[in-house]
C-alpha atoms as a PDB file:
ATOM      1  CA  MET A   1      39.861 142.559  20.363  1.00  0.00           C
ATOM      2  CA  THR A   2      38.714 144.645  23.316  1.00  0.00           C
ATOM      3  CA  GLY A   3      37.950 148.330  23.806  1.00  0.00           C
ATOM      4  CA  ALA A   4      41.005 148.602  25.949  1.00  0.00           C
ATOM      5  CA  TYR A   5      43.425 147.357  23.265  1.00  0.00           C
ATOM      6  CA  LEU A   6      41.815 149.761  20.823  1.00  0.00           C
ATOM      7  CA  ILE A   7      42.043 152.759  22.791  1.00  0.00           C
ATOM      8  CA  ALA A   8      45.764 151.992  23.753  1.00  0.00           C
ATOM      9  CA  GLU A   9      46.637 151.219  20.166  1.00  0.00           C
ATOM     10  CA  ALA A  10      45.143 154.333  18.775  1.00  0.00           C
ATOM     11  CA  ARG A  11      46.759 156.415  21.627  1.00  0.00           C
ATOM     12  CA  LYS A  12      50.310 154.754  21.001  1.00  0.00           C
ATOM     13  CA  ARG A  13      50.056 155.211  17.204  1.00  0.00           C
ATOM     14  CA  ALA A  14      49.195 158.880  17.564  1.00  0.00           C
ATOM     15  CA  GLY A  15      52.113 159.379  20.018  1.00  0.00           C
ATOM     16  CA  LEU A  16      49.925 160.618  22.816  1.00  0.00           C
ATOM     17  CA  THR A  17      50.339 160.125  26.537  1.00  0.00           C
ATOM     18  CA  GLN A  18      47.264 158.827  28.539  1.00  0.00           C
ATOM     19  CA  ALA A  19      47.086 162.506  29.888  1.00  0.00           C
ATOM     20  CA  GLU A  20      46.972 163.891  26.385  1.00  0.00           C
ATOM     21  CA  LEU A  21      44.296 161.701  25.246  1.00  0.00           C
ATOM     22  CA  ALA A  22      42.242 162.455  28.463  1.00  0.00           C
ATOM     23  CA  ALA A  23      42.704 166.188  27.766  1.00  0.00           C
ATOM     24  CA  ARG A  24      41.392 165.741  24.270  1.00  0.00           C
ATOM     25  CA  LEU A  25      38.329 163.902  25.755  1.00  0.00           C
ATOM     26  CA  GLY A  26      37.879 166.386  28.495  1.00  0.00           C
ATOM     27  CA  SER A  27      38.615 163.836  30.835  1.00  0.00           C
ATOM     28  CA  HIS A  28      41.355 162.616  33.392  1.00  0.00           C
ATOM     29  CA  GLN A  29      44.380 160.453  32.699  1.00  0.00           C
ATOM     30  CA  SER A  30      43.134 157.920  35.476  1.00  0.00           C
ATOM     31  CA  VAL A  31      40.126 157.235  33.221  1.00  0.00           C
ATOM     32  CA  VAL A  32      42.284 156.349  30.227  1.00  0.00           C
ATOM     33  CA  ALA A  33      44.392 154.287  32.354  1.00  0.00           C
ATOM     34  CA  ARG A  34      41.359 152.397  33.684  1.00  0.00           C
ATOM     35  CA  TRP A  35      40.082 151.715  30.249  1.00  0.00           C
ATOM     36  CA  GLU A  36      43.637 150.631  28.949  1.00  0.00           C
ATOM     37  CA  THR A  37      44.098 148.209  31.907  1.00  0.00           C
ATOM     38  CA  GLY A  38      40.649 146.789  31.631  1.00  0.00           C
ATOM     39  CA  ARG A  39      39.549 147.905  35.102  1.00  0.00           C
ATOM     40  CA  SER A  40      36.822 149.840  33.537  1.00  0.00           C
ATOM     41  CA  ARG A  41      35.011 148.675  30.313  1.00  0.00           C
ATOM     42  CA  PRO A  42      34.199 151.505  27.893  1.00  0.00           C
ATOM     43  CA  ASP A  43      31.129 151.153  25.789  1.00  0.00           C
ATOM     44  CA  LEU A  44      31.279 151.116  21.946  1.00  0.00           C
ATOM     45  CA  ASP A  45      30.549 154.826  21.625  1.00  0.00           C
ATOM     46  CA  THR A  46      33.122 155.657  24.167  1.00  0.00           C
ATOM     47  CA  VAL A  47      35.853 153.526  22.319  1.00  0.00           C
ATOM     48  CA  MET A  48      34.814 155.243  19.046  1.00  0.00           C
ATOM     49  CA  ARG A  49      35.053 158.732  20.590  1.00  0.00           C
ATOM     50  CA  ALA A  50      38.511 157.873  22.188  1.00  0.00           C
ATOM     51  CA  VAL A  51      39.781 156.518  18.833  1.00  0.00           C
ATOM     52  CA  ARG A  52      38.482 159.735  17.092  1.00  0.00           C
ATOM     53  CA  ALA A  53      40.094 161.967  19.805  1.00  0.00           C
ATOM     54  CA  ALA A  54      43.615 160.292  18.876  1.00  0.00           C
ATOM     55  CA  GLY A  55      43.125 161.086  15.343  1.00  0.00           C
ATOM     56  CA  PHE A  56      41.705 157.890  13.804  1.00  0.00           C
ATOM     57  CA  GLU A  57      38.349 156.649  12.604  1.00  0.00           C
ATOM     58  CA  MET A  58      37.086 153.225  13.627  1.00  0.00           C
ATOM     59  CA  GLY A  59      34.558 151.282  11.434  1.00  0.00           C
ATOM     60  CA  VAL A  60      32.390 148.540  12.615  1.00  0.00           C
ATOM     61  CA  SER A  61      31.002 145.843  10.272  1.00  0.00           C
ATOM     62  CA  LEU A  62      28.930 142.735  10.693  1.00  0.00           C
ATOM     63  CA  SER A  63      29.976 139.493   8.657  1.00  0.00           C
ATOM     64  CA  PRO A  64      28.618 135.991   8.798  1.00  0.00           C
ATOM     65  CA  GLY A  65      29.846 133.877  11.536  1.00  0.00           C
ATOM     66  CA  ASP A  66      32.106 130.937  10.789  1.00  0.00           C
ATOM     67  CA  ASP A  67      32.079 128.119  13.287  1.00  0.00           C
ATOM     68  CA  HIS A  68      34.478 125.771  11.275  1.00  0.00           C
ATOM     69  CA  ASP A  69      37.271 126.163  13.760  1.00  0.00           C
ATOM     70  CA  LEU A  70      34.939 125.235  16.538  1.00  0.00           C
ATOM     71  CA  VAL A  71      33.821 122.182  14.744  1.00  0.00           C
ATOM     72  CA  LEU A  72      37.323 121.033  14.145  1.00  0.00           C
ATOM     73  CA  ILE A  73      38.265 121.747  17.881  1.00  0.00           C
ATOM     74  CA  ARG A  74      35.601 119.538  19.037  1.00  0.00           C
ATOM     75  CA  ARG A  75      36.341 116.857  16.702  1.00  0.00           C
ATOM     76  CA  GLU A  76      40.004 116.782  18.067  1.00  0.00           C
ATOM     77  CA  LEU A  77      39.012 116.949  21.603  1.00  0.00           C
ATOM     78  CA  GLY A  78      36.778 113.735  20.947  1.00  0.00           C
ATOM     79  CA  MET A  79      39.940 111.697  20.048  1.00  0.00           C
ATOM     80  CA  GLN A  80      42.421 110.064  22.290  1.00  0.00           C
ATOM     81  CA  PRO A  81      45.944 111.683  22.435  1.00  0.00           C
ATOM     82  CA  HIS A  82      47.342 108.782  20.212  1.00  0.00           C
ATOM     83  CA  GLU A  83      44.673 109.242  17.503  1.00  0.00           C
ATOM     84  CA  ARG A  84      45.440 113.064  17.385  1.00  0.00           C
ATOM     85  CA  LEU A  85      49.080 112.258  17.079  1.00  0.00           C
ATOM     86  CA  SER A  86      48.560 109.600  14.429  1.00  0.00           C
ATOM     87  CA  ARG A  87      46.635 112.055  12.373  1.00  0.00           C
ATOM     88  CA  LEU A  88      49.323 114.826  12.732  1.00  0.00           C
ATOM     89  CA  VAL A  89      51.942 112.277  11.574  1.00  0.00           C
ATOM     90  CA  GLY A  90      49.818 111.379   8.539  1.00  0.00           C
ATOM     91  CA  ALA A  91      49.202 114.998   7.624  1.00  0.00           C
ATOM     92  CA  VAL A  92      53.070 115.631   8.057  1.00  0.00           C
ATOM     93  CA  ARG A  93      53.902 112.793   5.742  1.00  0.00           C
ATOM     94  CA  ARG A  94      51.205 114.028   3.186  1.00  0.00           C
ATOM     95  CA  LEU A  95      52.678 117.438   3.134  1.00  0.00           C
ATOM     96  CA  ASP A  96      56.210 115.932   2.751  1.00  0.00           C
ATOM     97  CA  ALA A  97      55.047 114.068  -0.218  1.00  0.00           C
ATOM     98  CA  MET A  98      53.413 116.960  -1.881  1.00  0.00           C
ATOM     99  CA  ALA A  99      56.567 119.018  -1.357  1.00  0.00           C
ATOM    100  CA  ALA A 100      58.751 116.449  -2.784  1.00  0.00           C
ATOM    101  CA  ALA A 101      56.404 116.010  -5.800  1.00  0.00           C
ATOM    102  CA  ALA A 102      56.609 119.779  -6.277  1.00  0.00           C
ATOM    103  CA  ARG A 103      60.464 119.712  -6.130  1.00  0.00           C
ATOM    104  CA  GLY A 104      60.420 117.150  -9.034  1.00  0.00           C
END
């Protein structure tokens, strides 16, 4: 998620135009437009200030990283296409069997 997305989303949820948000920030519409289009990358303090000016609060938290998906992706990329297809077909068959067992 980018600062551009957060600013644009907050502004839209508040029903503000770029010019209205800029006025609340004591800035210009063109500055907000540059942020929202990614031509300029606002720092975290600026993003939080813009979100607040739109009437929202933004919290930031840290959580432990999880590389599980990357491990799976790397494993899949190490396989040949026919191996990936075979694994997928096997998984679909197992899911079908579980669904059939659940139906009775």
